[in-house]
Amino acid sequence: MFVRIIENEIKTIGEDLYTDGKKVNCLVVMDEAHRYISNGSSDPQIAELTTEIVDSVRTTRKYGIGYMFITQTIESLDKEILQQIRIFSFGYGLTVGTEIKTISNLLNNESALQLYKSFIDPSSSHTKPELRRYPFMFFGSVSPLSFTGAPLFIEVYNNPSDFR
């Protein structure tokens, strides 16, 4: 698997630079992350890859290596990964079943959860895609209110002229 080769190479380079007193300053972005760090996969290759990535996430922060996991279903991610994440970003759509329960457990803030659940589907916010707005909730040390445990809510625009 290419993911395993890339992951091992990044880890090796990080270790070498760390030994020399340097940091990598690298962000590994994994889109469709549930394919690589799946919660309880029956595929032995995916289960082994999940274990390796979890180990890397635990051990490579000191090398200056960070991870961003992008997925459409938070519940599908390995639980250990969720425990290691320091900053969460939730867009529209994770408002039913186990997804919303997982977010609720992470937030532990009912009023913030209600605000998140009130997000409007971006596809229905405007008929012209370039005028749509995309709501997000950020939770963790990225929020200026992180010391309070309160998440940060923002809307993202498609058109740069909307940024005022």
N, C-alpha and C. Protein backbone atom coordinates (compact mmCIF):
# COMPACT_ATOMS: atom_id res chain seq x y z
N MET A 1 0.83 -1.19 0.00
CA MET A 1 0.00 0.00 0.00
C MET A 1 0.88 1.25 0.00
N PHE A 2 0.51 2.18 -0.85
CA PHE A 2 1.25 3.43 -0.93
C PHE A 2 1.19 4.22 0.37
N VAL A 3 0.05 4.17 1.03
CA VAL A 3 -0.11 4.92 2.28
C VAL A 3 0.92 4.46 3.31
N ARG A 4 1.13 3.16 3.40
CA ARG A 4 2.10 2.61 4.36
C ARG A 4 3.52 3.08 4.01
N ILE A 5 3.87 3.04 2.74
CA ILE A 5 5.21 3.47 2.32
C ILE A 5 5.43 4.94 2.65
N ILE A 6 4.46 5.77 2.31
CA ILE A 6 4.56 7.21 2.59
C ILE A 6 4.65 7.46 4.09
N GLU A 7 3.78 6.80 4.84
CA GLU A 7 3.75 6.98 6.30
C GLU A 7 5.09 6.60 6.92
N ASN A 8 5.65 5.46 6.51
CA ASN A 8 6.93 5.02 7.06
C ASN A 8 8.07 5.97 6.69
N GLU A 9 8.04 6.48 5.48
CA GLU A 9 9.09 7.41 5.04
C GLU A 9 9.04 8.72 5.82
N ILE A 10 7.84 9.25 6.02
CA ILE A 10 7.68 10.49 6.80
C ILE A 10 8.18 10.28 8.23
N LYS A 11 7.82 9.13 8.80
CA LYS A 11 8.24 8.83 10.18
C LYS A 11 9.76 8.71 10.27
N THR A 12 10.38 8.03 9.31
CA THR A 12 11.84 7.85 9.30
C THR A 12 12.56 9.19 9.17
N ILE A 13 12.09 10.03 8.25
CA ILE A 13 12.70 11.35 8.07
C ILE A 13 12.53 12.18 9.35
N GLY A 14 11.35 12.11 9.95
CA GLY A 14 11.11 12.82 11.20
C GLY A 14 12.06 12.39 12.30
N GLU A 15 12.26 11.08 12.43
CA GLU A 15 13.18 10.55 13.44
C GLU A 15 14.61 11.04 13.20
N ASP A 16 15.04 11.00 11.93
CA ASP A 16 16.40 11.43 11.59
C ASP A 16 16.61 12.91 11.91
N LEU A 17 15.66 13.75 11.52
CA LEU A 17 15.79 15.18 11.79
C LEU A 17 15.74 15.47 13.29
N TYR A 18 14.88 14.74 14.01
CA TYR A 18 14.77 14.92 15.46
C TYR A 18 16.09 14.58 16.14
N THR A 19 16.74 13.52 15.67
CA THR A 19 18.05 13.12 16.20
C THR A 19 19.08 14.23 16.00
N ASP A 20 18.94 14.98 14.89
CA ASP A 20 19.86 16.09 14.59
C ASP A 20 19.42 17.39 15.25
N GLY A 21 18.39 17.33 16.11
CA GLY A 21 17.92 18.52 16.81
C GLY A 21 17.01 19.41 15.98
N LYS A 22 16.45 18.88 14.91
CA LYS A 22 15.57 19.66 14.03
C LYS A 22 14.16 19.07 14.06
N LYS A 23 13.21 19.86 13.57
CA LYS A 23 11.83 19.39 13.43
C LYS A 23 11.40 19.46 11.98
N VAL A 24 10.48 18.58 11.60
CA VAL A 24 10.03 18.48 10.22
C VAL A 24 9.11 19.63 9.82
N ASN A 25 8.22 20.04 10.72
CA ASN A 25 7.19 21.05 10.43
C ASN A 25 6.34 20.59 9.25
N CYS A 26 5.66 19.47 9.42
CA CYS A 26 4.93 18.82 8.35
C CYS A 26 3.51 18.48 8.81
N LEU A 27 2.55 18.66 7.93
CA LEU A 27 1.17 18.27 8.21
C LEU A 27 0.79 17.19 7.21
N VAL A 28 0.43 16.02 7.71
CA VAL A 28 -0.03 14.91 6.88
C VAL A 28 -1.55 14.99 6.81
N VAL A 29 -2.09 15.17 5.62
CA VAL A 29 -3.53 15.28 5.43
C VAL A 29 -4.04 13.99 4.81
N MET A 30 -5.00 13.36 5.49
CA MET A 30 -5.57 12.11 4.99
C MET A 30 -7.06 12.32 4.71
N ASP A 31 -7.38 12.49 3.43
CA ASP A 31 -8.78 12.60 3.02
C ASP A 31 -9.37 11.19 2.96
N GLU A 32 -10.66 11.09 3.19
CA GLU A 32 -11.33 9.78 3.28
C GLU A 32 -10.61 8.91 4.31
N ALA A 33 -10.31 9.50 5.44
CA ALA A 33 -9.48 8.86 6.47
C ALA A 33 -10.05 7.53 6.96
N HIS A 34 -11.36 7.38 6.93
CA HIS A 34 -11.97 6.13 7.40
C HIS A 34 -11.50 4.92 6.58
N ARG A 35 -10.95 5.15 5.40
CA ARG A 35 -10.42 4.04 4.60
C ARG A 35 -9.10 3.51 5.15
N TYR A 36 -8.38 4.35 5.91
CA TYR A 36 -7.04 3.99 6.38
C TYR A 36 -6.95 3.79 7.88
N ILE A 37 -7.84 4.42 8.62
CA ILE A 37 -7.83 4.29 10.08
C ILE A 37 -9.24 3.94 10.55
N SER A 38 -9.69 2.84 10.07
CA SER A 38 -11.06 2.42 10.28
C SER A 38 -11.27 1.80 11.66
N ASN A 39 -12.42 2.07 12.22
CA ASN A 39 -12.81 1.53 13.51
C ASN A 39 -13.27 0.08 13.32
N GLY A 40 -12.45 -0.87 13.72
CA GLY A 40 -12.83 -2.28 13.68
C GLY A 40 -12.94 -2.87 12.29
N SER A 41 -11.99 -2.58 11.41
CA SER A 41 -12.03 -3.12 10.05
C SER A 41 -11.79 -4.62 10.07
N SER A 42 -12.51 -5.33 9.21
CA SER A 42 -12.31 -6.78 9.09
C SER A 42 -11.16 -7.11 8.14
N ASP A 43 -10.70 -6.13 7.39
CA ASP A 43 -9.58 -6.31 6.47
C ASP A 43 -8.28 -6.26 7.27
N PRO A 44 -7.50 -7.35 7.29
CA PRO A 44 -6.28 -7.37 8.11
C PRO A 44 -5.26 -6.30 7.69
N GLN A 45 -5.19 -5.97 6.41
CA GLN A 45 -4.25 -4.94 5.96
C GLN A 45 -4.64 -3.57 6.51
N ILE A 46 -5.93 -3.27 6.50
CA ILE A 46 -6.42 -1.98 7.03
C ILE A 46 -6.23 -1.95 8.54
N ALA A 47 -6.50 -3.06 9.22
CA ALA A 47 -6.31 -3.11 10.67
C ALA A 47 -4.84 -2.87 11.03
N GLU A 48 -3.93 -3.47 10.28
CA GLU A 48 -2.49 -3.27 10.53
C GLU A 48 -2.08 -1.83 10.23
N LEU A 49 -2.58 -1.28 9.12
CA LEU A 49 -2.28 0.11 8.76
C LEU A 49 -2.82 1.07 9.82
N THR A 50 -4.02 0.79 10.32
CA THR A 50 -4.61 1.61 11.38
C THR A 50 -3.69 1.63 12.60
N THR A 51 -3.21 0.47 13.00
CA THR A 51 -2.31 0.36 14.15
C THR A 51 -1.04 1.18 13.93
N GLU A 52 -0.48 1.11 12.72
CA GLU A 52 0.74 1.86 12.41
C GLU A 52 0.49 3.36 12.44
N ILE A 53 -0.63 3.81 11.87
CA ILE A 53 -0.93 5.24 11.84
C ILE A 53 -1.20 5.75 13.24
N VAL A 54 -1.93 4.99 14.04
CA VAL A 54 -2.19 5.39 15.44
C VAL A 54 -0.86 5.54 16.17
N ASP A 55 0.06 4.61 15.97
CA ASP A 55 1.37 4.70 16.61
C ASP A 55 2.12 5.95 16.14
N SER A 56 2.05 6.24 14.85
CA SER A 56 2.72 7.44 14.32
C SER A 56 2.13 8.71 14.91
N VAL A 57 0.82 8.77 14.99
CA VAL A 57 0.16 9.96 15.56
C VAL A 57 0.62 10.17 17.00
N ARG A 58 0.75 9.09 17.74
CA ARG A 58 1.18 9.18 19.14
C ARG A 58 2.63 9.63 19.28
N THR A 59 3.48 9.18 18.37
CA THR A 59 4.92 9.36 18.59
C THR A 59 5.58 10.45 17.77
N THR A 60 4.94 10.95 16.72
CA THR A 60 5.64 11.87 15.82
C THR A 60 5.37 13.35 16.08
N ARG A 61 4.50 13.66 17.02
CA ARG A 61 4.24 15.07 17.34
C ARG A 61 5.53 15.78 17.73
N LYS A 62 6.38 15.09 18.49
CA LYS A 62 7.64 15.70 18.93
C LYS A 62 8.60 15.96 17.77
N TYR A 63 8.37 15.30 16.63
CA TYR A 63 9.20 15.52 15.44
C TYR A 63 8.72 16.73 14.64
N GLY A 64 7.58 17.30 15.04
CA GLY A 64 7.00 18.40 14.27
C GLY A 64 6.08 17.91 13.17
N ILE A 65 5.55 16.69 13.35
CA ILE A 65 4.63 16.12 12.36
C ILE A 65 3.24 16.11 12.96
N GLY A 66 2.31 16.72 12.25
CA GLY A 66 0.91 16.74 12.67
C GLY A 66 0.06 16.00 11.66
N TYR A 67 -1.15 15.68 12.05
CA TYR A 67 -2.06 14.94 11.18
C TYR A 67 -3.41 15.63 11.10
N MET A 68 -3.98 15.62 9.90
CA MET A 68 -5.34 16.10 9.69
C MET A 68 -6.11 14.96 9.03
N PHE A 69 -7.21 14.58 9.66
CA PHE A 69 -8.03 13.49 9.15
C PHE A 69 -9.35 14.06 8.65
N ILE A 70 -9.66 13.82 7.39
CA ILE A 70 -10.89 14.30 6.79
C ILE A 70 -11.77 13.09 6.50
N THR A 71 -12.99 13.13 6.99
CA THR A 71 -13.91 12.02 6.78
C THR A 71 -15.34 12.52 6.79
N GLN A 72 -16.22 11.77 6.20
CA GLN A 72 -17.64 12.13 6.19
C GLN A 72 -18.38 11.52 7.36
N THR A 73 -17.74 10.61 8.07
CA THR A 73 -18.38 9.98 9.21
C THR A 73 -17.37 9.82 10.34
N ILE A 74 -17.53 10.59 11.38
CA ILE A 74 -16.59 10.57 12.50
C ILE A 74 -16.62 9.22 13.23
N GLU A 75 -17.76 8.59 13.23
CA GLU A 75 -17.93 7.32 13.94
C GLU A 75 -17.06 6.21 13.34
N SER A 76 -16.70 6.34 12.07
CA SER A 76 -15.92 5.30 11.41
C SER A 76 -14.43 5.36 11.76
N LEU A 77 -13.98 6.46 12.36
CA LEU A 77 -12.57 6.58 12.71
C LEU A 77 -12.23 5.76 13.95
N ASP A 78 -11.00 5.30 14.00
CA ASP A 78 -10.52 4.55 15.15
C ASP A 78 -10.61 5.41 16.41
N LYS A 79 -11.07 4.83 17.49
CA LYS A 79 -11.27 5.56 18.76
C LYS A 79 -9.98 6.18 19.29
N GLU A 80 -8.87 5.50 19.11
CA GLU A 80 -7.58 6.03 19.58
C GLU A 80 -7.22 7.32 18.83
N ILE A 81 -7.55 7.38 17.56
CA ILE A 81 -7.31 8.60 16.78
C ILE A 81 -8.12 9.75 17.37
N LEU A 82 -9.39 9.50 17.67
CA LEU A 82 -10.24 10.54 18.25
C LEU A 82 -9.66 11.06 19.57
N GLN A 83 -9.06 10.17 20.35
CA GLN A 83 -8.47 10.59 21.63
C GLN A 83 -7.20 11.42 21.43
N GLN A 84 -6.52 11.23 20.31
CA GLN A 84 -5.27 11.95 20.04
C GLN A 84 -5.50 13.32 19.38
N ILE A 85 -6.65 13.52 18.79
CA ILE A 85 -6.93 14.77 18.07
C ILE A 85 -7.06 15.92 19.06
N ARG A 86 -6.41 17.04 18.74
CA ARG A 86 -6.46 18.22 19.61
C ARG A 86 -7.37 19.30 19.06
N ILE A 87 -7.60 19.31 17.75
CA ILE A 87 -8.47 20.30 17.12
C ILE A 87 -9.46 19.58 16.21
N PHE A 88 -10.74 19.84 16.43
CA PHE A 88 -11.79 19.26 15.61
C PHE A 88 -12.46 20.35 14.78
N SER A 89 -12.83 20.02 13.56
CA SER A 89 -13.61 20.91 12.71
C SER A 89 -14.78 20.09 12.17
N PHE A 90 -15.99 20.56 12.45
CA PHE A 90 -17.18 19.85 12.00
C PHE A 90 -17.98 20.73 11.06
N GLY A 91 -18.19 20.26 9.84
CA GLY A 91 -19.06 20.95 8.90
C GLY A 91 -20.47 20.41 9.03
N TYR A 92 -21.33 20.86 8.14
CA TYR A 92 -22.73 20.45 8.15
C TYR A 92 -22.85 18.95 7.93
N GLY A 93 -23.82 18.32 8.61
CA GLY A 93 -24.23 16.98 8.24
C GLY A 93 -24.06 15.86 9.24
N LEU A 94 -23.37 16.06 10.33
CA LEU A 94 -23.17 14.97 11.29
C LEU A 94 -24.19 15.08 12.43
N THR A 95 -25.47 15.09 12.08
CA THR A 95 -26.50 15.43 13.08
C THR A 95 -27.44 14.29 13.45
N VAL A 96 -27.13 13.07 13.06
CA VAL A 96 -28.02 11.97 13.41
C VAL A 96 -27.25 10.80 14.01
N GLY A 97 -27.96 9.98 14.75
CA GLY A 97 -27.44 8.72 15.27
C GLY A 97 -26.16 8.81 16.05
N THR A 98 -25.26 7.88 15.76
CA THR A 98 -24.01 7.79 16.51
C THR A 98 -23.08 8.96 16.22
N GLU A 99 -23.25 9.59 15.05
CA GLU A 99 -22.40 10.74 14.71
C GLU A 99 -22.61 11.87 15.71
N ILE A 100 -23.86 12.26 15.93
CA ILE A 100 -24.15 13.37 16.83
C ILE A 100 -23.83 13.00 18.27
N LYS A 101 -23.98 11.72 18.61
CA LYS A 101 -23.64 11.28 19.96
C LYS A 101 -22.13 11.40 20.20
N THR A 102 -21.34 11.05 19.20
CA THR A 102 -19.88 11.18 19.32
C THR A 102 -19.49 12.64 19.48
N ILE A 103 -20.09 13.52 18.67
CA ILE A 103 -19.80 14.95 18.79
C ILE A 103 -20.23 15.47 20.16
N SER A 104 -21.38 15.03 20.62
CA SER A 104 -21.87 15.44 21.94
C SER A 104 -20.90 15.04 23.04
N ASN A 105 -20.37 13.82 22.96
CA ASN A 105 -19.41 13.35 23.96
C ASN A 105 -18.11 14.15 23.91
N LEU A 106 -17.68 14.54 22.71
CA LEU A 106 -16.46 15.33 22.59
C LEU A 106 -16.64 16.74 23.14
N LEU A 107 -17.79 17.35 22.81
CA LEU A 107 -18.06 18.74 23.20
C LEU A 107 -18.39 18.89 24.67
N ASN A 108 -19.31 18.03 25.13
CA ASN A 108 -19.84 18.14 26.49
C ASN A 108 -20.38 19.56 26.74
N ASN A 109 -21.13 20.08 25.75
CA ASN A 109 -21.66 21.43 25.81
C ASN A 109 -22.98 21.44 25.02
N GLU A 110 -24.09 21.34 25.74
CA GLU A 110 -25.40 21.19 25.09
C GLU A 110 -25.78 22.38 24.22
N SER A 111 -25.50 23.60 24.65
CA SER A 111 -25.89 24.76 23.84
C SER A 111 -25.07 24.82 22.55
N ALA A 112 -23.79 24.47 22.61
CA ALA A 112 -22.97 24.43 21.39
C ALA A 112 -23.46 23.33 20.46
N LEU A 113 -23.86 22.20 21.03
CA LEU A 113 -24.38 21.11 20.22
C LEU A 113 -25.67 21.53 19.51
N GLN A 114 -26.54 22.24 20.20
CA GLN A 114 -27.79 22.71 19.58
C GLN A 114 -27.50 23.68 18.44
N LEU A 115 -26.53 24.56 18.63
CA LEU A 115 -26.16 25.49 17.57
C LEU A 115 -25.62 24.73 16.36
N TYR A 116 -24.78 23.73 16.61
CA TYR A 116 -24.25 22.91 15.51
C TYR A 116 -25.40 22.22 14.77
N LYS A 117 -26.34 21.67 15.50
CA LYS A 117 -27.46 20.96 14.88
C LYS A 117 -28.35 21.89 14.05
N SER A 118 -28.25 23.20 14.29
CA SER A 118 -29.07 24.15 13.55
C SER A 118 -28.43 24.59 12.23
N PHE A 119 -27.23 24.09 11.93
CA PHE A 119 -26.57 24.46 10.67
C PHE A 119 -27.49 24.15 9.49
N ILE A 120 -27.48 25.03 8.52
CA ILE A 120 -28.28 24.86 7.30
C ILE A 120 -27.42 24.19 6.24
N ASP A 121 -28.04 23.27 5.51
CA ASP A 121 -27.35 22.58 4.42
C ASP A 121 -26.85 23.62 3.41
N PRO A 122 -25.54 23.67 3.15
CA PRO A 122 -25.01 24.66 2.22
C PRO A 122 -25.65 24.61 0.84
N SER A 123 -26.04 23.42 0.39
CA SER A 123 -26.65 23.33 -0.94
C SER A 123 -28.01 23.99 -1.00
N SER A 124 -28.65 24.20 0.15
CA SER A 124 -29.95 24.86 0.15
C SER A 124 -29.85 26.33 0.57
N SER A 125 -28.64 26.79 0.87
CA SER A 125 -28.49 28.18 1.33
C SER A 125 -28.55 29.19 0.20
N HIS A 126 -28.28 28.74 -1.03
CA HIS A 126 -28.39 29.64 -2.18
C HIS A 126 -28.42 28.80 -3.44
N THR A 127 -29.14 29.27 -4.46
CA THR A 127 -29.23 28.51 -5.72
C THR A 127 -27.94 28.58 -6.52
N LYS A 128 -27.19 29.66 -6.37
CA LYS A 128 -25.91 29.79 -7.07
C LYS A 128 -24.79 29.28 -6.16
N PRO A 129 -24.09 28.23 -6.59
CA PRO A 129 -23.03 27.65 -5.74
C PRO A 129 -21.99 28.67 -5.29
N GLU A 130 -21.66 29.64 -6.12
CA GLU A 130 -20.62 30.61 -5.74
C GLU A 130 -21.07 31.54 -4.62
N LEU A 131 -22.37 31.55 -4.31
CA LEU A 131 -22.88 32.40 -3.23
C LEU A 131 -23.22 31.62 -1.96
N ARG A 132 -22.96 30.34 -1.98
CA ARG A 132 -23.27 29.51 -0.80
C ARG A 132 -22.31 29.81 0.34
N ARG A 133 -22.82 29.59 1.54
CA ARG A 133 -22.01 29.74 2.76
C ARG A 133 -21.94 28.38 3.45
N TYR A 134 -20.79 28.10 4.01
CA TYR A 134 -20.55 26.80 4.61
C TYR A 134 -20.24 26.98 6.10
N PRO A 135 -21.14 26.51 6.98
CA PRO A 135 -20.91 26.67 8.42
C PRO A 135 -19.98 25.59 8.98
N PHE A 136 -19.14 25.99 9.93
CA PHE A 136 -18.24 25.06 10.60
C PHE A 136 -18.20 25.36 12.09
N MET A 137 -17.96 24.31 12.84
CA MET A 137 -17.72 24.43 14.28
C MET A 137 -16.32 23.89 14.54
N PHE A 138 -15.47 24.70 15.17
CA PHE A 138 -14.13 24.28 15.56
C PHE A 138 -14.11 24.10 17.07
N PHE A 139 -13.46 23.02 17.49
CA PHE A 139 -13.39 22.71 18.91
C PHE A 139 -11.97 22.29 19.25
N GLY A 140 -11.42 22.82 20.32
CA GLY A 140 -10.07 22.47 20.73
C GLY A 140 -9.22 23.72 20.87
N SER A 141 -7.93 23.53 20.83
CA SER A 141 -7.01 24.63 21.11
C SER A 141 -6.96 25.70 20.03
N VAL A 142 -7.66 25.52 18.93
CA VAL A 142 -7.71 26.53 17.87
C VAL A 142 -8.64 27.69 18.24
N SER A 143 -9.61 27.42 19.10
CA SER A 143 -10.59 28.43 19.48
C SER A 143 -9.98 29.44 20.45
N PRO A 144 -10.24 30.74 20.24
CA PRO A 144 -9.74 31.72 21.20
C PRO A 144 -10.39 31.56 22.58
N LEU A 145 -11.46 30.78 22.62
CA LEU A 145 -12.14 30.51 23.89
C LEU A 145 -11.86 29.10 24.39
N SER A 146 -10.77 28.50 23.92
CA SER A 146 -10.51 27.10 24.27
C SER A 146 -10.38 26.88 25.77
N PHE A 147 -9.92 27.90 26.50
CA PHE A 147 -9.79 27.75 27.95
C PHE A 147 -11.16 27.60 28.62
N THR A 148 -12.23 28.02 27.94
CA THR A 148 -13.58 27.88 28.48
C THR A 148 -14.22 26.57 28.03
N GLY A 149 -13.62 25.91 27.06
CA GLY A 149 -14.22 24.71 26.49
C GLY A 149 -15.27 25.01 25.44
N ALA A 150 -15.42 26.29 25.08
CA ALA A 150 -16.43 26.69 24.09
C ALA A 150 -15.86 26.58 22.68
N PRO A 151 -16.63 26.03 21.76
CA PRO A 151 -16.16 25.94 20.37
C PRO A 151 -16.28 27.29 19.66
N LEU A 152 -15.69 27.37 18.49
CA LEU A 152 -15.73 28.55 17.65
C LEU A 152 -16.59 28.22 16.43
N PHE A 153 -17.54 29.10 16.10
CA PHE A 153 -18.42 28.89 14.95
C PHE A 153 -18.09 29.92 13.88
N ILE A 154 -17.93 29.46 12.64
CA ILE A 154 -17.66 30.37 11.53
C ILE A 154 -18.44 29.94 10.29
N GLU A 155 -18.58 30.87 9.34
CA GLU A 155 -19.11 30.56 8.02
C GLU A 155 -18.01 30.83 7.01
N VAL A 156 -17.87 29.93 6.05
CA VAL A 156 -16.87 30.07 5.00
C VAL A 156 -17.61 30.41 3.72
N TYR A 157 -17.03 31.32 2.94
CA TYR A 157 -17.65 31.78 1.70
C TYR A 157 -16.87 31.27 0.49
N ASN A 158 -17.54 31.20 -0.65
CA ASN A 158 -16.89 30.83 -1.91
C ASN A 158 -16.26 32.02 -2.61
N ASN A 159 -16.87 33.19 -2.46
CA ASN A 159 -16.48 34.36 -3.21
C ASN A 159 -15.60 35.27 -2.34
N PRO A 160 -14.35 35.52 -2.76
CA PRO A 160 -13.46 36.36 -1.95
C PRO A 160 -14.02 37.75 -1.66
N SER A 161 -14.89 38.28 -2.51
CA SER A 161 -15.44 39.61 -2.25
C SER A 161 -16.39 39.61 -1.06
N ASP A 162 -16.83 38.43 -0.62
CA ASP A 162 -17.70 38.33 0.56
C ASP A 162 -16.92 38.46 1.87
N PHE A 163 -15.60 38.37 1.81
CA PHE A 163 -14.77 38.49 3.01
C PHE A 163 -14.58 39.97 3.33
N ARG A 164 -15.29 40.44 4.32
CA ARG A 164 -15.21 41.86 4.67
C ARG A 164 -14.73 42.02 6.08
